[in-house]
Amino acid sequence: MSNGTFPVMRRSDRAVENLPDILAILEQCVVMRLAMTGPDGPYIVPVNFGYLLHSEQRLTLYFHGALQGRKRDMLDADPRVCFEVDCEHRLIAKETACGYSYGYASAIGFGKARRLTEATEKAQGLSCLMARFDSAPSFVLNMEAMEKTAVYAIDVEHITGKRH
């Protein structure tokens, strides 16, 4: 899932390249770190997220936030984002200190965030978020609360996974 303009991973032996395996990493992780840029430099914030894989193998990530604030201001000014998730954390102990390592699974990607304005789009995004944390088949969304919530979609342009 790339347009070819992104750098190649240095440790190709740890690369997770097929989409089903990357989706399995996304499924395990509950927090996404969202990186943005602004006039004062970079800014990163942890957010809960949901995702949807469209039939044409296009991936969309969803997150929510306040209607005002630094995140919204930065995304309004520049929608380009980088995102990261990680899980499966474990220490790999060895005989010597230099032999120690750390196990993990991660995914890093790039895309453009867009604030959803239509109620049906916002409901879809929030439902994807809720499905990550509750197995109920449907959710009752409070329309008044939804109007006071910013919901974003990231159209993923490139994503790679890594596992050690």
Protein backbone atom coordinates (compact mmCIF):
# COMPACT_ATOMS: atom_id res chain seq x y z
CA MET A 1 0.00 0.00 0.00
CA SER A 2 2.37 2.67 -1.27
CA ASN A 3 2.97 5.05 -4.10
CA GLY A 4 6.69 4.25 -4.15
CA THR A 5 7.99 7.55 -2.75
CA PHE A 6 8.68 6.26 0.76
CA PRO A 7 12.05 4.97 2.01
CA VAL A 8 12.81 1.27 2.24
CA MET A 9 13.00 -0.29 5.72
CA ARG A 10 16.61 -0.79 6.88
CA ARG A 11 15.96 -4.12 8.67
CA SER A 12 14.15 -5.92 5.87
CA ASP A 13 14.46 -9.19 7.82
CA ARG A 14 11.93 -7.77 10.30
CA ALA A 15 9.56 -6.29 7.71
CA VAL A 16 5.90 -7.22 7.77
CA GLU A 17 4.82 -6.56 4.22
CA ASN A 18 1.51 -8.24 3.50
CA LEU A 19 -1.65 -6.39 4.38
CA PRO A 20 -3.34 -9.17 6.42
CA ASP A 21 -0.34 -9.30 8.76
CA ILE A 22 -0.27 -5.51 9.09
CA LEU A 23 -4.01 -5.56 9.88
CA ALA A 24 -3.33 -8.17 12.58
CA ILE A 25 -0.87 -5.73 14.18
CA LEU A 26 -3.44 -2.91 13.99
CA GLU A 27 -6.00 -5.20 15.61
CA GLN A 28 -3.74 -5.87 18.61
CA CYS A 29 -2.79 -2.24 19.24
CA VAL A 30 -5.19 0.06 21.08
CA VAL A 31 -3.31 3.37 20.93
CA MET A 32 -2.08 5.14 17.83
CA ARG A 33 0.46 7.93 17.97
CA LEU A 34 -0.46 10.67 15.54
CA ALA A 35 2.32 12.98 14.34
CA MET A 36 1.59 16.35 12.76
CA THR A 37 3.60 19.38 11.77
CA GLY A 38 2.90 23.03 12.42
CA PRO A 39 4.56 26.42 12.48
CA ASP A 40 6.19 25.65 15.85
CA GLY A 41 7.48 22.24 14.72
CA PRO A 42 6.33 18.64 15.11
CA TYR A 43 3.66 17.49 17.55
CA ILE A 44 2.68 13.93 18.46
CA VAL A 45 -0.38 12.81 20.40
CA PRO A 46 -1.71 9.39 21.41
CA VAL A 47 -5.26 8.62 20.26
CA ASN A 48 -7.58 5.63 20.25
CA PHE A 49 -8.37 4.52 16.73
CA GLY A 50 -10.47 2.30 14.55
CA TYR A 51 -9.95 1.21 10.99
CA LEU A 52 -11.81 0.03 7.93
CA LEU A 53 -10.40 -1.92 4.99
CA HIS A 54 -12.39 -1.11 1.88
CA SER A 55 -13.05 -3.73 -0.79
CA GLU A 56 -10.42 -2.20 -3.07
CA GLN A 57 -7.70 -2.77 -0.41
CA ARG A 58 -7.80 0.88 0.65
CA LEU A 59 -7.28 1.44 4.38
CA THR A 60 -8.91 4.21 6.42
CA LEU A 61 -8.09 4.93 10.06
CA TYR A 62 -10.49 6.84 12.33
CA PHE A 63 -9.90 8.85 15.49
CA HIS A 64 -11.79 11.53 17.41
CA GLY A 65 -11.07 14.60 19.46
CA ALA A 66 -12.28 17.99 20.55
CA LEU A 67 -13.73 20.57 18.19
CA GLN A 68 -11.07 23.06 19.29
CA GLY A 69 -7.43 22.74 20.18
CA ARG A 70 -3.92 22.26 18.91
CA LYS A 71 -4.64 18.98 17.08
CA ARG A 72 -7.52 20.48 15.10
CA ASP A 73 -5.59 23.66 14.32
CA MET A 74 -2.62 21.69 13.04
CA LEU A 75 -4.73 19.31 10.95
CA ASP A 76 -6.67 22.22 9.46
CA ALA A 77 -3.39 23.89 8.47
CA ASP A 78 -1.65 20.75 7.16
CA PRO A 79 -3.56 17.44 6.88
CA ARG A 80 -0.41 15.34 6.24
CA VAL A 81 0.20 12.94 9.13
CA CYS A 82 2.42 10.09 10.17
CA PHE A 83 1.01 7.47 12.52
CA GLU A 84 2.50 4.65 14.58
CA VAL A 85 1.16 1.72 16.62
CA ASP A 86 3.11 -0.86 18.61
CA CYS A 87 2.36 -3.94 20.72
CA GLU A 88 3.70 -7.41 21.67
CA HIS A 89 6.29 -5.78 23.94
CA ARG A 90 8.75 -8.15 25.62
CA LEU A 91 12.31 -8.06 26.85
CA ILE A 92 14.70 -10.48 25.15
CA ALA A 93 17.36 -11.25 27.78
CA LYS A 94 20.84 -12.50 26.88
CA GLU A 95 24.09 -13.32 28.70
CA THR A 96 25.60 -9.84 28.27
CA ALA A 97 24.09 -6.37 28.39
CA CYS A 98 24.93 -5.71 24.73
CA GLY A 99 23.05 -8.87 23.75
CA TYR A 100 19.73 -7.72 25.21
CA SER A 101 17.01 -6.70 22.82
CA TYR A 102 13.33 -5.93 22.82
CA GLY A 103 10.54 -7.72 21.02
CA TYR A 104 7.62 -5.87 19.46
CA ALA A 105 5.27 -5.58 16.53
CA SER A 106 4.65 -2.18 14.99
CA ALA A 107 3.17 -0.41 12.01
CA ILE A 108 4.06 3.03 10.73
CA GLY A 109 2.22 4.85 7.99
CA PHE A 110 1.51 8.10 6.24
CA GLY A 111 -1.65 9.71 4.97
CA LYS A 112 -3.88 12.74 5.01
CA ALA A 113 -6.38 13.39 7.77
CA ARG A 114 -9.76 14.88 6.99
CA ARG A 115 -12.39 16.03 9.46
CA LEU A 116 -15.69 14.31 8.83
CA THR A 117 -18.67 16.65 8.71
CA GLU A 118 -21.61 14.51 7.59
CA ALA A 119 -23.46 12.71 10.37
CA THR A 120 -23.36 9.35 8.56
CA GLU A 121 -19.58 9.58 8.06
CA LYS A 122 -19.02 10.60 11.67
CA ALA A 123 -21.23 7.73 12.86
CA GLN A 124 -19.27 5.26 10.72
CA GLY A 125 -15.96 6.51 12.15
CA LEU A 126 -17.19 6.40 15.75
CA SER A 127 -18.67 2.94 15.20
CA CYS A 128 -15.26 1.71 13.96
CA LEU A 129 -13.71 3.15 17.12
CA MET A 130 -16.32 1.55 19.38
CA ALA A 131 -15.99 -1.83 17.68
CA ARG A 132 -12.38 -1.96 18.85
CA PHE A 133 -13.38 -1.77 22.52
CA ASP A 134 -16.83 -3.34 22.74
CA SER A 135 -18.11 -6.42 20.94
CA ALA A 136 -21.75 -5.24 20.86
CA PRO A 137 -23.06 -5.59 17.27
CA SER A 138 -24.47 -2.06 17.18
CA PHE A 139 -24.05 1.13 19.14
CA VAL A 140 -26.46 3.89 20.00
CA LEU A 141 -24.70 7.13 19.17
CA ASN A 142 -25.83 10.24 21.00
CA MET A 143 -26.40 12.81 18.25
CA GLU A 144 -25.94 15.76 20.64
CA ALA A 145 -22.57 14.41 21.80
CA MET A 146 -21.59 13.57 18.21
CA GLU A 147 -22.14 17.21 17.20
CA LYS A 148 -19.63 18.25 19.89
CA THR A 149 -17.00 15.76 18.71
CA ALA A 150 -14.53 16.04 15.87
CA VAL A 151 -14.13 12.76 13.99
CA TYR A 152 -11.27 12.31 11.54
CA ALA A 153 -10.45 9.82 8.82
CA ILE A 154 -6.91 9.16 7.66
CA ASP A 155 -6.74 7.94 4.09
CA VAL A 156 -3.63 5.76 4.32
CA GLU A 157 -1.16 6.33 1.49
CA HIS A 158 1.61 4.05 2.79
CA ILE A 159 1.95 1.61 5.68
CA THR A 160 4.66 -0.82 6.72
CA GLY A 161 4.91 -3.27 9.57
CA LYS A 162 7.85 -4.54 11.56
CA ARG A 163 8.20 -7.41 14.01
CA HIS A 164 11.04 -8.56 16.26
